[in-house]
Amino acid sequence: MSVLATEQFDVDQEFEVAGEITKTWIDPKSGTRHIRGVASGVEEDRDGERCSKRAILSMVTQVNSGGVKLTAGHDQDWVSEFGDVTKGFHDEDTGEFIIECELPRDGADPIADKALREVGRRKL
């Protein structure tokens, strides 16, 4: 049996968010951190992509069924995961797919720590 190595993920690399972060908060009891933001929409995004309303409604169903991870980019691999997408909904007014995510408490995950530092430092 051969073992496949996953490409190393550099915590010091540039961090990018594909959508606008609209809110962050910390649960005072558990210390878990939360973010809310735009994951996709019917308008063209910075990558030149857009989704149909039907696709967004399908993503809402998928997210609300559980098990969707927040990643540091479009790559969907375990090494770039740093949180759980806990809720999704379609904003009828804007056509956007909004998600809420839970990140581990401060110090538990260096990628999550960097993500929140960047959100606090500049609008992403």
N, C-alpha and C. Protein backbone atom coordinates (compact mmCIF):
# COMPACT_ATOMS: atom_id res chain seq x y z
N MET A 1 0.85 -1.18 0.00
CA MET A 1 0.00 0.00 0.00
C MET A 1 0.89 1.24 0.00
N SER A 2 0.63 2.14 -0.92
CA SER A 2 1.42 3.37 -0.95
C SER A 2 0.65 4.48 -0.24
N VAL A 3 1.38 5.35 0.40
CA VAL A 3 0.78 6.47 1.12
C VAL A 3 0.97 7.72 0.28
N LEU A 4 -0.12 8.43 0.06
CA LEU A 4 -0.06 9.68 -0.70
C LEU A 4 0.13 10.83 0.26
N ALA A 5 1.08 11.68 -0.04
CA ALA A 5 1.34 12.85 0.80
C ALA A 5 0.49 14.02 0.31
N THR A 6 -0.08 14.74 1.24
CA THR A 6 -0.83 15.95 0.90
C THR A 6 0.15 17.11 0.84
N GLU A 7 -0.02 17.94 -0.15
CA GLU A 7 0.83 19.12 -0.31
C GLU A 7 0.80 19.94 0.98
N GLN A 8 1.97 20.41 1.40
CA GLN A 8 2.05 21.18 2.64
C GLN A 8 1.35 22.52 2.48
N PHE A 9 0.64 22.94 3.51
CA PHE A 9 -0.07 24.22 3.50
C PHE A 9 0.71 25.20 4.35
N ASP A 10 1.17 26.28 3.76
CA ASP A 10 2.00 27.26 4.45
C ASP A 10 1.12 28.29 5.15
N VAL A 11 1.16 28.31 6.47
CA VAL A 11 0.34 29.24 7.24
C VAL A 11 0.76 30.69 6.97
N ASP A 12 1.98 30.91 6.52
CA ASP A 12 2.44 32.27 6.27
C ASP A 12 2.09 32.79 4.89
N GLN A 13 1.44 31.96 4.07
CA GLN A 13 1.10 32.43 2.73
C GLN A 13 -0.04 33.45 2.80
N GLU A 14 -0.23 34.19 1.72
CA GLU A 14 -1.28 35.21 1.64
C GLU A 14 -2.64 34.56 1.88
N PHE A 15 -3.47 35.20 2.67
CA PHE A 15 -4.80 34.68 2.96
C PHE A 15 -5.81 35.47 2.16
N GLU A 16 -6.71 34.78 1.48
CA GLU A 16 -7.73 35.45 0.69
C GLU A 16 -9.10 34.92 1.06
N VAL A 17 -10.08 35.80 1.02
CA VAL A 17 -11.46 35.40 1.23
C VAL A 17 -12.20 35.69 -0.07
N ALA A 18 -12.94 34.71 -0.55
CA ALA A 18 -13.63 34.85 -1.84
C ALA A 18 -14.88 35.72 -1.73
N GLY A 19 -15.43 35.89 -0.55
CA GLY A 19 -16.63 36.69 -0.38
C GLY A 19 -16.47 37.70 0.73
N GLU A 20 -17.45 38.58 0.83
CA GLU A 20 -17.38 39.63 1.85
C GLU A 20 -17.80 39.09 3.22
N ILE A 21 -16.96 39.34 4.23
CA ILE A 21 -17.29 38.98 5.61
C ILE A 21 -18.14 40.12 6.16
N THR A 22 -19.33 39.80 6.67
CA THR A 22 -20.24 40.85 7.13
C THR A 22 -20.33 40.96 8.64
N LYS A 23 -19.90 39.90 9.37
CA LYS A 23 -19.98 39.96 10.83
C LYS A 23 -19.06 38.90 11.42
N THR A 24 -18.46 39.23 12.57
CA THR A 24 -17.69 38.25 13.35
C THR A 24 -18.11 38.38 14.81
N TRP A 25 -18.08 37.26 15.54
CA TRP A 25 -18.37 37.30 16.96
C TRP A 25 -17.76 36.09 17.66
N ILE A 26 -17.63 36.19 18.97
CA ILE A 26 -17.06 35.11 19.79
C ILE A 26 -18.09 34.69 20.81
N ASP A 27 -18.31 33.38 20.94
CA ASP A 27 -19.21 32.85 21.95
C ASP A 27 -18.49 32.96 23.30
N PRO A 28 -19.00 33.75 24.23
CA PRO A 28 -18.29 33.97 25.50
C PRO A 28 -18.16 32.71 26.36
N LYS A 29 -19.06 31.74 26.20
CA LYS A 29 -19.00 30.52 27.01
C LYS A 29 -17.98 29.53 26.48
N SER A 30 -18.00 29.29 25.17
CA SER A 30 -17.13 28.26 24.59
C SER A 30 -15.83 28.80 24.01
N GLY A 31 -15.82 30.10 23.69
CA GLY A 31 -14.65 30.68 23.05
C GLY A 31 -14.60 30.45 21.55
N THR A 32 -15.58 29.70 21.02
CA THR A 32 -15.60 29.50 19.57
C THR A 32 -15.86 30.83 18.88
N ARG A 33 -15.27 30.97 17.72
CA ARG A 33 -15.40 32.21 16.95
C ARG A 33 -16.32 31.95 15.77
N HIS A 34 -17.03 32.98 15.36
CA HIS A 34 -18.01 32.85 14.29
C HIS A 34 -17.82 33.95 13.27
N ILE A 35 -18.08 33.60 12.02
CA ILE A 35 -18.09 34.61 10.95
C ILE A 35 -19.33 34.40 10.10
N ARG A 36 -19.83 35.48 9.55
CA ARG A 36 -20.93 35.45 8.59
C ARG A 36 -20.47 36.20 7.36
N GLY A 37 -20.78 35.66 6.21
CA GLY A 37 -20.36 36.34 5.00
C GLY A 37 -21.01 35.78 3.74
N VAL A 38 -20.70 36.43 2.65
CA VAL A 38 -21.22 36.07 1.34
C VAL A 38 -20.33 34.99 0.74
N ALA A 39 -20.90 33.84 0.43
CA ALA A 39 -20.14 32.75 -0.17
C ALA A 39 -20.23 32.77 -1.68
N SER A 40 -21.36 33.23 -2.20
CA SER A 40 -21.57 33.24 -3.65
C SER A 40 -22.78 34.11 -3.96
N GLY A 41 -23.05 34.27 -5.22
CA GLY A 41 -24.22 35.05 -5.61
C GLY A 41 -24.48 34.97 -7.10
N VAL A 42 -25.55 35.64 -7.50
CA VAL A 42 -25.92 35.62 -8.91
C VAL A 42 -25.09 36.60 -9.74
N GLU A 43 -24.43 37.54 -9.08
CA GLU A 43 -23.55 38.49 -9.77
C GLU A 43 -22.16 37.88 -9.94
N GLU A 44 -21.44 38.31 -10.94
CA GLU A 44 -20.09 37.81 -11.19
C GLU A 44 -19.16 38.20 -10.04
N ASP A 45 -18.36 37.22 -9.55
CA ASP A 45 -17.45 37.48 -8.45
C ASP A 45 -16.05 37.81 -8.96
N ARG A 46 -15.10 37.95 -8.04
CA ARG A 46 -13.73 38.34 -8.42
C ARG A 46 -13.03 37.30 -9.27
N ASP A 47 -13.53 36.06 -9.24
CA ASP A 47 -12.95 34.99 -10.06
C ASP A 47 -13.67 34.86 -11.40
N GLY A 48 -14.62 35.77 -11.66
CA GLY A 48 -15.37 35.71 -12.92
C GLY A 48 -16.45 34.64 -12.91
N GLU A 49 -16.82 34.18 -11.72
CA GLU A 49 -17.83 33.13 -11.60
C GLU A 49 -19.12 33.72 -11.03
N ARG A 50 -20.21 33.08 -11.36
CA ARG A 50 -21.49 33.42 -10.75
C ARG A 50 -22.34 32.17 -10.70
N CYS A 51 -23.34 32.18 -9.85
CA CYS A 51 -24.21 31.02 -9.68
C CYS A 51 -25.64 31.39 -10.04
N SER A 52 -26.37 30.40 -10.46
CA SER A 52 -27.80 30.60 -10.68
C SER A 52 -28.51 30.54 -9.33
N LYS A 53 -29.71 31.06 -9.27
CA LYS A 53 -30.49 30.98 -8.04
C LYS A 53 -30.72 29.52 -7.68
N ARG A 54 -30.97 28.69 -8.67
CA ARG A 54 -31.18 27.26 -8.43
C ARG A 54 -29.96 26.62 -7.77
N ALA A 55 -28.77 26.97 -8.26
CA ALA A 55 -27.54 26.43 -7.67
C ALA A 55 -27.38 26.90 -6.23
N ILE A 56 -27.68 28.17 -5.98
CA ILE A 56 -27.57 28.70 -4.62
C ILE A 56 -28.54 27.99 -3.68
N LEU A 57 -29.77 27.78 -4.11
CA LEU A 57 -30.74 27.08 -3.27
C LEU A 57 -30.28 25.64 -2.98
N SER A 58 -29.63 25.02 -3.95
CA SER A 58 -29.08 23.68 -3.74
C SER A 58 -27.95 23.73 -2.70
N MET A 59 -27.10 24.76 -2.76
CA MET A 59 -26.02 24.90 -1.78
C MET A 59 -26.57 25.14 -0.39
N VAL A 60 -27.65 25.92 -0.29
CA VAL A 60 -28.28 26.17 1.01
C VAL A 60 -28.72 24.85 1.63
N THR A 61 -29.37 24.01 0.84
CA THR A 61 -29.82 22.70 1.32
C THR A 61 -28.63 21.86 1.77
N GLN A 62 -27.57 21.86 0.97
CA GLN A 62 -26.38 21.07 1.30
C GLN A 62 -25.75 21.54 2.61
N VAL A 63 -25.57 22.85 2.75
CA VAL A 63 -24.96 23.41 3.97
C VAL A 63 -25.82 23.10 5.19
N ASN A 64 -27.11 23.28 5.07
CA ASN A 64 -27.99 23.08 6.22
C ASN A 64 -28.18 21.61 6.57
N SER A 65 -27.70 20.71 5.72
CA SER A 65 -27.71 19.28 6.02
C SER A 65 -26.51 18.89 6.88
N GLY A 66 -25.51 19.78 6.97
CA GLY A 66 -24.35 19.56 7.83
C GLY A 66 -23.16 18.95 7.11
N GLY A 67 -22.02 19.04 7.77
CA GLY A 67 -20.81 18.42 7.27
C GLY A 67 -19.99 19.23 6.29
N VAL A 68 -20.35 20.49 6.03
CA VAL A 68 -19.60 21.32 5.09
C VAL A 68 -18.51 22.07 5.86
N LYS A 69 -17.30 22.01 5.35
CA LYS A 69 -16.15 22.64 6.00
C LYS A 69 -15.82 23.98 5.35
N LEU A 70 -15.31 24.90 6.16
CA LEU A 70 -14.78 26.16 5.68
C LEU A 70 -13.31 25.95 5.36
N THR A 71 -12.89 26.34 4.17
CA THR A 71 -11.50 26.13 3.76
C THR A 71 -10.83 27.46 3.44
N ALA A 72 -9.52 27.43 3.37
CA ALA A 72 -8.73 28.63 3.12
C ALA A 72 -8.69 29.00 1.64
N GLY A 73 -9.39 28.31 0.79
CA GLY A 73 -9.43 28.62 -0.63
C GLY A 73 -10.42 27.71 -1.33
N HIS A 74 -10.38 27.71 -2.64
CA HIS A 74 -11.29 26.84 -3.39
C HIS A 74 -10.90 25.37 -3.29
N ASP A 75 -9.66 25.09 -2.90
CA ASP A 75 -9.25 23.70 -2.73
C ASP A 75 -10.05 23.07 -1.60
N GLN A 76 -10.58 21.90 -1.85
CA GLN A 76 -11.38 21.20 -0.85
C GLN A 76 -10.58 20.02 -0.31
N ASP A 77 -9.59 20.31 0.51
CA ASP A 77 -8.83 19.23 1.12
C ASP A 77 -8.70 19.48 2.62
N TRP A 78 -8.46 18.42 3.36
CA TRP A 78 -8.46 18.50 4.82
C TRP A 78 -7.40 19.45 5.35
N VAL A 79 -6.31 19.64 4.63
CA VAL A 79 -5.22 20.45 5.15
C VAL A 79 -5.57 21.95 5.19
N SER A 80 -6.54 22.38 4.37
CA SER A 80 -6.89 23.79 4.37
C SER A 80 -8.19 24.08 5.13
N GLU A 81 -8.79 23.07 5.76
CA GLU A 81 -10.01 23.28 6.54
C GLU A 81 -9.70 23.98 7.85
N PHE A 82 -10.51 24.96 8.19
CA PHE A 82 -10.29 25.64 9.47
C PHE A 82 -11.57 26.01 10.19
N GLY A 83 -12.68 25.44 9.78
CA GLY A 83 -13.94 25.71 10.46
C GLY A 83 -15.07 24.92 9.84
N ASP A 84 -16.24 25.05 10.44
CA ASP A 84 -17.44 24.39 9.95
C ASP A 84 -18.45 25.43 9.49
N VAL A 85 -19.05 25.18 8.34
CA VAL A 85 -20.15 26.02 7.88
C VAL A 85 -21.40 25.48 8.57
N THR A 86 -22.01 26.32 9.40
CA THR A 86 -23.10 25.85 10.26
C THR A 86 -24.49 26.24 9.77
N LYS A 87 -24.56 27.23 8.89
CA LYS A 87 -25.87 27.70 8.43
C LYS A 87 -25.69 28.39 7.09
N GLY A 88 -26.68 28.22 6.23
CA GLY A 88 -26.67 28.93 4.95
C GLY A 88 -28.07 29.39 4.61
N PHE A 89 -28.14 30.52 3.92
CA PHE A 89 -29.44 30.99 3.45
C PHE A 89 -29.26 31.85 2.20
N HIS A 90 -30.34 31.96 1.44
CA HIS A 90 -30.35 32.76 0.23
C HIS A 90 -31.01 34.09 0.55
N ASP A 91 -30.29 35.18 0.31
CA ASP A 91 -30.84 36.52 0.51
C ASP A 91 -31.62 36.89 -0.74
N GLU A 92 -32.92 36.92 -0.63
CA GLU A 92 -33.79 37.21 -1.79
C GLU A 92 -33.54 38.59 -2.38
N ASP A 93 -33.18 39.57 -1.53
CA ASP A 93 -32.98 40.94 -2.02
C ASP A 93 -31.73 41.08 -2.88
N THR A 94 -30.66 40.41 -2.49
CA THR A 94 -29.38 40.57 -3.21
C THR A 94 -29.04 39.39 -4.11
N GLY A 95 -29.73 38.26 -3.91
CA GLY A 95 -29.41 37.05 -4.66
C GLY A 95 -28.19 36.32 -4.13
N GLU A 96 -27.68 36.74 -2.97
CA GLU A 96 -26.44 36.18 -2.43
C GLU A 96 -26.70 34.95 -1.56
N PHE A 97 -25.70 34.09 -1.54
CA PHE A 97 -25.68 32.91 -0.67
C PHE A 97 -24.86 33.30 0.55
N ILE A 98 -25.51 33.41 1.70
CA ILE A 98 -24.88 33.84 2.94
C ILE A 98 -24.63 32.60 3.80
N ILE A 99 -23.44 32.54 4.38
CA ILE A 99 -23.12 31.43 5.28
C ILE A 99 -22.66 31.95 6.63
N GLU A 100 -22.92 31.14 7.65
CA GLU A 100 -22.36 31.37 8.98
C GLU A 100 -21.45 30.20 9.28
N CYS A 101 -20.29 30.52 9.87
CA CYS A 101 -19.27 29.50 10.12
C CYS A 101 -18.79 29.58 11.55
N GLU A 102 -18.41 28.42 12.08
CA GLU A 102 -17.84 28.33 13.41
C GLU A 102 -16.38 27.95 13.29
N LEU A 103 -15.52 28.73 13.94
CA LEU A 103 -14.08 28.48 13.95
C LEU A 103 -13.66 28.11 15.36
N PRO A 104 -12.60 27.32 15.48
CA PRO A 104 -12.14 26.95 16.82
C PRO A 104 -11.69 28.16 17.64
N ARG A 105 -11.64 27.97 18.95
CA ARG A 105 -11.24 29.06 19.85
C ARG A 105 -9.81 29.52 19.51
N ASP A 106 -9.46 30.69 19.96
CA ASP A 106 -8.16 31.30 19.71
C ASP A 106 -7.03 30.36 20.13
N GLY A 107 -6.05 30.19 19.25
CA GLY A 107 -4.90 29.37 19.53
C GLY A 107 -5.04 27.90 19.15
N ALA A 108 -6.25 27.47 18.80
CA ALA A 108 -6.46 26.05 18.47
C ALA A 108 -6.11 25.71 17.02
N ASP A 109 -6.15 26.69 16.13
CA ASP A 109 -5.88 26.45 14.71
C ASP A 109 -5.22 27.68 14.12
N PRO A 110 -3.96 27.57 13.66
CA PRO A 110 -3.25 28.74 13.15
C PRO A 110 -3.87 29.36 11.89
N ILE A 111 -4.54 28.55 11.08
CA ILE A 111 -5.17 29.11 9.87
C ILE A 111 -6.40 29.92 10.27
N ALA A 112 -7.19 29.41 11.22
CA ALA A 112 -8.35 30.16 11.71
C ALA A 112 -7.90 31.46 12.38
N ASP A 113 -6.81 31.39 13.15
CA ASP A 113 -6.28 32.59 13.80
C ASP A 113 -5.88 33.63 12.76
N LYS A 114 -5.20 33.19 11.72
CA LYS A 114 -4.77 34.12 10.68
C LYS A 114 -5.97 34.71 9.93
N ALA A 115 -6.96 33.88 9.66
CA ALA A 115 -8.16 34.36 8.96
C ALA A 115 -8.82 35.49 9.74
N LEU A 116 -9.00 35.30 11.03
CA LEU A 116 -9.66 36.34 11.82
C LEU A 116 -8.79 37.57 11.99
N ARG A 117 -7.48 37.41 12.06
CA ARG A 117 -6.60 38.58 12.11
C ARG A 117 -6.75 39.41 10.83
N GLU A 118 -6.79 38.73 9.70
CA GLU A 118 -6.92 39.43 8.41
C GLU A 118 -8.27 40.13 8.29
N VAL A 119 -9.33 39.48 8.77
CA VAL A 119 -10.65 40.10 8.73
C VAL A 119 -10.65 41.38 9.55
N GLY A 120 -10.00 41.36 10.70
CA GLY A 120 -9.94 42.53 11.56
C GLY A 120 -9.04 43.64 11.02
N ARG A 121 -8.08 43.28 10.20
CA ARG A 121 -7.10 44.22 9.69
C ARG A 121 -7.57 45.00 8.46
N ARG A 122 -8.33 44.33 7.61
CA ARG A 122 -8.75 44.96 6.36
C ARG A 122 -10.06 44.33 5.88
N LYS A 123 -10.77 45.06 5.05
CA LYS A 123 -11.99 44.50 4.46
C LYS A 123 -11.59 43.51 3.40
N LEU A 124 -12.12 42.30 3.50
CA LEU A 124 -11.78 41.24 2.54
C LEU A 124 -12.91 41.03 1.56
